[in-house]
Structure formats: structure tokens, C-alpha cells
């Protein structure tokens, strides 16, 4: 193998080892509670919960309609057309499904009317504004909620391939970054248990 052909492999490996920023579930729920305050509070809070609990890209979330929700083996799921017009099925938690359906009913949404008729910039303002009011000392943005979902799903399932399908990634590199983040955190916790005399 030539040195030239090793360069992409090295680049992919170095990318896969980078730490990913994310929010804990507790931080996300604080964010969702803060977003509830205000005129469009229910919608804003629902957007934050959706981004976190499904890992959708902001563009995917903003195009979501009641017609995207379906049942797979008796459990709710989303039918998503993602990046590059690729279709995928995304797990949708039961309680979030109930909240979305109740919201659609309350607002009188038709099957093909959007839950969130806003643009990406407004989505960012909602999330960033709630984070600033809480006083988070980390940068909070829409895609951070996608990272947070990925970390939590990987932590609970330990299944990188299923996560790759869930997120709609064509390459496993990003999933390896999530795995590397959890591994490095676990390694640090183990090393912090070591004690020295003096």
C-alpha cells in the first residue's frame, strides 16, 4: 500500500477519534422546560424534545408532518426522507408520539401540514435562546441535540451499526466518533480511581 493511499485512512481514523460535544438528558430536559415559556412555548419545547429523542437533522424535523408517523411492529416510528433524498425509518418514543399527536389535534393540523412551520434560523434561535436564559456555559445549537441523541442511544444499546442506520449516515466514521467519546470518558473514570500516596 502506497503512502498516498494511507492518507485517507489516517484522516478517517483521526476524525473518528475526535471527541464529540453533547448535552446530557438532564440538560436537554432543562432546555425543553425553559423553551416552554413564551407564546409558542409548547411548539418550541416539542421541537427540542423531537431533535433529542429522534436524532433528526433540523431540516428533517422542520419538514415533519403527522403523515410521517406510522406503526412498525406495533411501535411508533417516523418515515423520513433525509440527506441526498435517502429514505429511512427512525424510532419514535411512545410518549413523544403522544405529545406530537396531541399537538397536531389541538392545532388542527392536516396529515401533510408541518408541525414546525419555521425556518432553520428560527429553530436555532429557539434553542440558543433557551440555553442563554438558563446560563449554559457551552455552545448550544440544533445539531448538538442530534449528537446528544446519538451518545445516549449508543450508551444504552451499545450498537454502533443500528445507530448508523438510525442517523442515516452512509459512513461509520461519525458513529466511531460517538463511540470514541464514550470510550475516552469511561477510560478517564477508570483512571480517576487510581490513588497515589504522598
C-alpha atoms as a PDB file:
ATOM      1  CA  UNK A   1       0.000   0.000   0.000  1.00  0.00           C
ATOM      2  CA  UNK A   2       1.416   3.372  -1.016  1.00  0.00           C
ATOM      3  CA  UNK A   3       1.782   6.347   1.340  1.00  0.00           C
ATOM      4  CA  UNK A   4      -0.707   8.262  -0.806  1.00  0.00           C
ATOM      5  CA  UNK A   5      -3.430   5.628  -0.263  1.00  0.00           C
ATOM      6  CA  UNK A   6      -2.783   5.696   3.516  1.00  0.00           C
ATOM      7  CA  UNK A   7      -3.654   9.407   3.795  1.00  0.00           C
ATOM      8  CA  UNK A   8      -7.479   8.987   3.560  1.00  0.00           C
ATOM      9  CA  UNK A   9      -7.296   6.112   6.097  1.00  0.00           C
ATOM     10  CA  UNK A  10      -5.297   8.269   8.538  1.00  0.00           C
ATOM     11  CA  UNK A  11      -7.713  11.183   8.030  1.00  0.00           C
ATOM     12  CA  UNK A  12     -10.717   8.931   8.710  1.00  0.00           C
ATOM     13  CA  UNK A  13      -9.045   7.498  11.828  1.00  0.00           C
ATOM     14  CA  UNK A  14      -8.144  10.911  13.224  1.00  0.00           C
ATOM     15  CA  UNK A  15     -11.726  12.100  12.603  1.00  0.00           C
ATOM     16  CA  UNK A  16     -13.111   9.001  14.322  1.00  0.00           C
ATOM     17  CA  UNK A  17     -11.030   9.707  17.446  1.00  0.00           C
ATOM     18  CA  UNK A  18     -12.197  13.299  17.951  1.00  0.00           C
ATOM     19  CA  UNK A  19     -14.356  13.995  20.994  1.00  0.00           C
ATOM     20  CA  UNK A  20     -17.955  14.994  20.246  1.00  0.00           C
ATOM     21  CA  UNK A  21     -19.687  17.717  22.257  1.00  0.00           C
ATOM     22  CA  UNK A  22     -23.124  16.767  23.579  1.00  0.00           C
ATOM     23  CA  UNK A  23     -25.751  17.542  26.221  1.00  0.00           C
ATOM     24  CA  UNK A  24     -26.834  15.111  28.926  1.00  0.00           C
ATOM     25  CA  UNK A  25     -30.527  14.133  29.016  1.00  0.00           C
ATOM     26  CA  UNK A  26     -30.899  16.296  32.152  1.00  0.00           C
ATOM     27  CA  UNK A  27     -29.517  19.344  30.293  1.00  0.00           C
ATOM     28  CA  UNK A  28     -31.837  18.716  27.335  1.00  0.00           C
ATOM     29  CA  UNK A  29     -34.904  18.490  29.577  1.00  0.00           C
ATOM     30  CA  UNK A  30     -33.884  21.748  31.293  1.00  0.00           C
ATOM     31  CA  UNK A  31     -33.660  23.298  27.827  1.00  0.00           C
ATOM     32  CA  UNK A  32     -37.103  21.963  26.843  1.00  0.00           C
ATOM     33  CA  UNK A  33     -38.656  23.280  30.070  1.00  0.00           C
ATOM     34  CA  UNK A  34     -37.131  26.724  29.511  1.00  0.00           C
ATOM     35  CA  UNK A  35     -38.365  26.763  25.913  1.00  0.00           C
ATOM     36  CA  UNK A  36     -41.943  26.177  27.171  1.00  0.00           C
ATOM     37  CA  UNK A  37     -42.014  29.742  28.461  1.00  0.00           C
ATOM     38  CA  UNK A  38     -43.435  32.216  25.986  1.00  0.00           C
ATOM     39  CA  UNK A  39     -46.088  32.480  23.299  1.00  0.00           C
ATOM     40  CA  UNK A  40     -45.093  29.423  21.238  1.00  0.00           C
ATOM     41  CA  UNK A  41     -43.727  27.516  24.221  1.00  0.00           C
ATOM     42  CA  UNK A  42     -45.415  24.180  23.575  1.00  0.00           C
ATOM     43  CA  UNK A  43     -44.192  24.085  19.964  1.00  0.00           C
ATOM     44  CA  UNK A  44     -40.664  25.188  20.914  1.00  0.00           C
ATOM     45  CA  UNK A  45     -40.343  22.619  23.695  1.00  0.00           C
ATOM     46  CA  UNK A  46     -41.662  19.893  21.392  1.00  0.00           C
ATOM     47  CA  UNK A  47     -39.044  20.760  18.762  1.00  0.00           C
ATOM     48  CA  UNK A  48     -36.227  20.355  21.300  1.00  0.00           C
ATOM     49  CA  UNK A  49     -37.597  17.016  22.529  1.00  0.00           C
ATOM     50  CA  UNK A  50     -38.023  15.790  18.951  1.00  0.00           C
ATOM     51  CA  UNK A  51     -34.456  16.701  17.943  1.00  0.00           C
ATOM     52  CA  UNK A  52     -33.054  14.977  21.039  1.00  0.00           C
ATOM     53  CA  UNK A  53     -35.216  11.856  21.154  1.00  0.00           C
ATOM     54  CA  UNK A  54     -35.057  11.065  17.427  1.00  0.00           C
ATOM     55  CA  UNK A  55     -31.685  12.481  16.339  1.00  0.00           C
ATOM     56  CA  UNK A  56     -33.273  14.114  13.292  1.00  0.00           C
ATOM     57  CA  UNK A  57     -31.386  16.806  11.409  1.00  0.00           C
ATOM     58  CA  UNK A  58     -33.058  20.217  11.817  1.00  0.00           C
ATOM     59  CA  UNK A  59     -34.168  20.162   8.157  1.00  0.00           C
ATOM     60  CA  UNK A  60     -35.787  16.743   8.695  1.00  0.00           C
ATOM     61  CA  UNK A  61     -37.546  17.907  11.866  1.00  0.00           C
ATOM     62  CA  UNK A  62     -38.896  21.061  10.221  1.00  0.00           C
ATOM     63  CA  UNK A  63     -40.389  19.093   7.324  1.00  0.00           C
ATOM     64  CA  UNK A  64     -42.142  16.629   9.664  1.00  0.00           C
ATOM     65  CA  UNK A  65     -45.924  16.170   9.310  1.00  0.00           C
ATOM     66  CA  UNK A  66     -48.429  13.841  11.050  1.00  0.00           C
ATOM     67  CA  UNK A  67     -48.321  11.645   7.910  1.00  0.00           C
ATOM     68  CA  UNK A  68     -44.669  10.779   8.685  1.00  0.00           C
ATOM     69  CA  UNK A  69     -45.735   8.864  11.811  1.00  0.00           C
ATOM     70  CA  UNK A  70     -46.512   5.160  11.313  1.00  0.00           C
ATOM     71  CA  UNK A  71     -46.511   1.889  13.268  1.00  0.00           C
ATOM     72  CA  UNK A  72     -43.728  -0.667  12.922  1.00  0.00           C
ATOM     73  CA  UNK A  73     -44.447  -3.950  14.747  1.00  0.00           C
ATOM     74  CA  UNK A  74     -46.905  -2.112  16.987  1.00  0.00           C
ATOM     75  CA  UNK A  75     -44.473   0.664  17.947  1.00  0.00           C
ATOM     76  CA  UNK A  76     -44.365   4.244  16.580  1.00  0.00           C
ATOM     77  CA  UNK A  77     -41.746   5.235  14.017  1.00  0.00           C
ATOM     78  CA  UNK A  78     -41.051   8.014  11.537  1.00  0.00           C
ATOM     79  CA  UNK A  79     -40.797   7.702   7.778  1.00  0.00           C
ATOM     80  CA  UNK A  80     -38.016  10.167   6.901  1.00  0.00           C
ATOM     81  CA  UNK A  81     -36.518  11.370   3.638  1.00  0.00           C
ATOM     82  CA  UNK A  82     -33.092  12.607   4.657  1.00  0.00           C
ATOM     83  CA  UNK A  83     -29.909  13.959   3.154  1.00  0.00           C
ATOM     84  CA  UNK A  84     -29.466  13.023  -0.501  1.00  0.00           C
ATOM     85  CA  UNK A  85     -33.176  12.029  -0.676  1.00  0.00           C
ATOM     86  CA  UNK A  86     -32.370   8.815   1.211  1.00  0.00           C
ATOM     87  CA  UNK A  87     -35.327   7.188   2.976  1.00  0.00           C
ATOM     88  CA  UNK A  88     -35.032   5.693   6.431  1.00  0.00           C
ATOM     89  CA  UNK A  89     -37.157   4.639   9.384  1.00  0.00           C
ATOM     90  CA  UNK A  90     -36.498   6.350  12.706  1.00  0.00           C
ATOM     91  CA  UNK A  91     -37.595   5.120  16.136  1.00  0.00           C
ATOM     92  CA  UNK A  92     -40.107   7.446  17.808  1.00  0.00           C
ATOM     93  CA  UNK A  93     -40.599   7.121  21.592  1.00  0.00           C
ATOM     94  CA  UNK A  94     -44.197   6.421  22.690  1.00  0.00           C
ATOM     95  CA  UNK A  95     -44.533   9.465  24.954  1.00  0.00           C
ATOM     96  CA  UNK A  96     -43.165  11.791  22.289  1.00  0.00           C
ATOM     97  CA  UNK A  97     -45.623  10.291  19.783  1.00  0.00           C
ATOM     98  CA  UNK A  98     -48.490  11.076  22.152  1.00  0.00           C
ATOM     99  CA  UNK A  99     -47.260  14.670  22.551  1.00  0.00           C
ATOM    100  CA  UNK A 100     -46.933  15.162  18.785  1.00  0.00           C
ATOM    101  CA  UNK A 101     -50.370  13.715  18.094  1.00  0.00           C
ATOM    102  CA  UNK A 102     -51.989  15.774  20.875  1.00  0.00           C
ATOM    103  CA  UNK A 103     -50.312  18.902  19.490  1.00  0.00           C
ATOM    104  CA  UNK A 104     -51.487  18.113  15.932  1.00  0.00           C
ATOM    105  CA  UNK A 105     -55.044  17.605  17.197  1.00  0.00           C
ATOM    106  CA  UNK A 106     -55.017  20.819  19.250  1.00  0.00           C
ATOM    107  CA  UNK A 107     -53.687  22.858  16.307  1.00  0.00           C
ATOM    108  CA  UNK A 108     -55.996  21.163  13.790  1.00  0.00           C
ATOM    109  CA  UNK A 109     -53.092  20.019  11.609  1.00  0.00           C
ATOM    110  CA  UNK A 110     -53.923  18.035   8.494  1.00  0.00           C
ATOM    111  CA  UNK A 111     -51.893  14.891   7.633  1.00  0.00           C
ATOM    112  CA  UNK A 112     -49.467  16.858   5.432  1.00  0.00           C
ATOM    113  CA  UNK A 113     -49.208  20.103   7.448  1.00  0.00           C
ATOM    114  CA  UNK A 114     -45.906  20.752   9.172  1.00  0.00           C
ATOM    115  CA  UNK A 115     -45.598  20.513  12.954  1.00  0.00           C
ATOM    116  CA  UNK A 116     -42.971  23.284  12.883  1.00  0.00           C
ATOM    117  CA  UNK A 117     -43.664  25.855  10.113  1.00  0.00           C
ATOM    118  CA  UNK A 118     -40.460  27.792  10.832  1.00  0.00           C
ATOM    119  CA  UNK A 119     -37.047  28.069   9.170  1.00  0.00           C
ATOM    120  CA  UNK A 120     -33.680  26.739  10.370  1.00  0.00           C
ATOM    121  CA  UNK A 121     -32.594  30.145  11.672  1.00  0.00           C
ATOM    122  CA  UNK A 122     -35.696  30.359  13.891  1.00  0.00           C
ATOM    123  CA  UNK A 123     -35.038  26.821  15.133  1.00  0.00           C
ATOM    124  CA  UNK A 124     -31.523  27.838  16.146  1.00  0.00           C
ATOM    125  CA  UNK A 125     -32.845  30.991  17.874  1.00  0.00           C
ATOM    126  CA  UNK A 126     -35.317  28.934  19.938  1.00  0.00           C
ATOM    127  CA  UNK A 127     -32.654  26.502  21.153  1.00  0.00           C
ATOM    128  CA  UNK A 128     -29.891  29.064  21.622  1.00  0.00           C
ATOM    129  CA  UNK A 129     -32.241  31.494  23.395  1.00  0.00           C
ATOM    130  CA  UNK A 130     -33.346  28.860  25.918  1.00  0.00           C
ATOM    131  CA  UNK A 131     -29.702  27.893  26.562  1.00  0.00           C
ATOM    132  CA  UNK A 132     -28.708  31.525  27.178  1.00  0.00           C
ATOM    133  CA  UNK A 133     -31.599  32.102  29.599  1.00  0.00           C
ATOM    134  CA  UNK A 134     -30.559  29.022  31.582  1.00  0.00           C
ATOM    135  CA  UNK A 135     -26.940  30.174  31.538  1.00  0.00           C
ATOM    136  CA  UNK A 136     -25.359  27.124  29.888  1.00  0.00           C
ATOM    137  CA  UNK A 137     -21.620  27.625  29.564  1.00  0.00           C
ATOM    138  CA  UNK A 138     -21.393  25.552  26.384  1.00  0.00           C
ATOM    139  CA  UNK A 139     -22.346  26.419  22.823  1.00  0.00           C
ATOM    140  CA  UNK A 140     -25.818  25.047  22.107  1.00  0.00           C
ATOM    141  CA  UNK A 141     -27.125  24.589  18.551  1.00  0.00           C
ATOM    142  CA  UNK A 142     -29.571  22.334  16.678  1.00  0.00           C
ATOM    143  CA  UNK A 143     -27.046  19.661  15.638  1.00  0.00           C
ATOM    144  CA  UNK A 144     -25.827  19.340  19.242  1.00  0.00           C
ATOM    145  CA  UNK A 145     -29.179  17.692  20.057  1.00  0.00           C
ATOM    146  CA  UNK A 146     -28.536  15.138  17.282  1.00  0.00           C
ATOM    147  CA  UNK A 147     -25.121  14.383  18.830  1.00  0.00           C
ATOM    148  CA  UNK A 148     -26.784  14.104  22.249  1.00  0.00           C
ATOM    149  CA  UNK A 149     -29.331  11.575  20.954  1.00  0.00           C
ATOM    150  CA  UNK A 150     -26.552   9.525  19.336  1.00  0.00           C
ATOM    151  CA  UNK A 151     -24.455   9.426  22.524  1.00  0.00           C
ATOM    152  CA  UNK A 152     -27.464   8.423  24.657  1.00  0.00           C
ATOM    153  CA  UNK A 153     -28.586   5.709  22.205  1.00  0.00           C
ATOM    154  CA  UNK A 154     -25.065   4.288  21.974  1.00  0.00           C
ATOM    155  CA  UNK A 155     -24.725   4.391  25.762  1.00  0.00           C
ATOM    156  CA  UNK A 156     -28.000   2.462  26.202  1.00  0.00           C
ATOM    157  CA  UNK A 157     -27.768  -0.005  23.300  1.00  0.00           C
ATOM    158  CA  UNK A 158     -24.044  -0.406  22.585  1.00  0.00           C
ATOM    159  CA  UNK A 159     -24.994  -0.997  18.929  1.00  0.00           C
ATOM    160  CA  UNK A 160     -22.999   1.239  16.517  1.00  0.00           C
ATOM    161  CA  UNK A 161     -24.431  -0.253  13.293  1.00  0.00           C
ATOM    162  CA  UNK A 162     -28.046   0.290  14.393  1.00  0.00           C
ATOM    163  CA  UNK A 163     -27.120   3.870  15.344  1.00  0.00           C
ATOM    164  CA  UNK A 164     -25.602   4.445  11.898  1.00  0.00           C
ATOM    165  CA  UNK A 165     -28.917   3.422  10.271  1.00  0.00           C
ATOM    166  CA  UNK A 166     -30.933   5.472  12.779  1.00  0.00           C
ATOM    167  CA  UNK A 167     -28.962   8.627  11.951  1.00  0.00           C
ATOM    168  CA  UNK A 168     -28.829   7.970   8.203  1.00  0.00           C
ATOM    169  CA  UNK A 169     -25.026   8.065   7.937  1.00  0.00           C
ATOM    170  CA  UNK A 170     -23.525   6.476   4.820  1.00  0.00           C
ATOM    171  CA  UNK A 171     -20.126   6.147   6.536  1.00  0.00           C
ATOM    172  CA  UNK A 172     -19.431   4.737  10.028  1.00  0.00           C
ATOM    173  CA  UNK A 173     -16.861   7.486  10.800  1.00  0.00           C
ATOM    174  CA  UNK A 174     -19.258   9.738  12.718  1.00  0.00           C
ATOM    175  CA  UNK A 175     -20.589   6.801  14.743  1.00  0.00           C
ATOM    176  CA  UNK A 176     -16.999   5.885  15.594  1.00  0.00           C
ATOM    177  CA  UNK A 177     -16.567   9.415  16.960  1.00  0.00           C
ATOM    178  CA  UNK A 178     -19.501   8.857  19.310  1.00  0.00           C
ATOM    179  CA  UNK A 179     -18.028   5.518  20.373  1.00  0.00           C
ATOM    180  CA  UNK A 180     -14.599   7.100  20.897  1.00  0.00           C
ATOM    181  CA  UNK A 181     -16.145   9.857  23.047  1.00  0.00           C
ATOM    182  CA  UNK A 182     -17.809   7.312  25.357  1.00  0.00           C
ATOM    183  CA  UNK A 183     -14.675   5.149  25.490  1.00  0.00           C
ATOM    184  CA  UNK A 184     -12.451   8.083  26.434  1.00  0.00           C
ATOM    185  CA  UNK A 185     -14.897   9.191  29.137  1.00  0.00           C
ATOM    186  CA  UNK A 186     -15.042   5.649  30.567  1.00  0.00           C
ATOM    187  CA  UNK A 187     -11.238   5.417  30.467  1.00  0.00           C
ATOM    188  CA  UNK A 188     -10.921   8.680  32.395  1.00  0.00           C
ATOM    189  CA  UNK A 189     -13.387   7.474  35.060  1.00  0.00           C
ATOM    190  CA  UNK A 190     -11.355   4.280  35.493  1.00  0.00           C
ATOM    191  CA  UNK A 191      -8.046   6.170  35.730  1.00  0.00           C
ATOM    192  CA  UNK A 192      -9.526   8.604  38.269  1.00  0.00           C
ATOM    193  CA  UNK A 193      -9.969   5.653  40.637  1.00  0.00           C
ATOM    194  CA  UNK A 194      -6.195   5.220  40.861  1.00  0.00           C
ATOM    195  CA  UNK A 195      -4.759   6.655  44.075  1.00  0.00           C
ATOM    196  CA  UNK A 196      -1.152   7.572  44.875  1.00  0.00           C
ATOM    197  CA  UNK A 197       0.477   8.008  48.239  1.00  0.00           C
ATOM    198  CA  UNK A 198       2.080  11.322  49.157  1.00  0.00           C
END
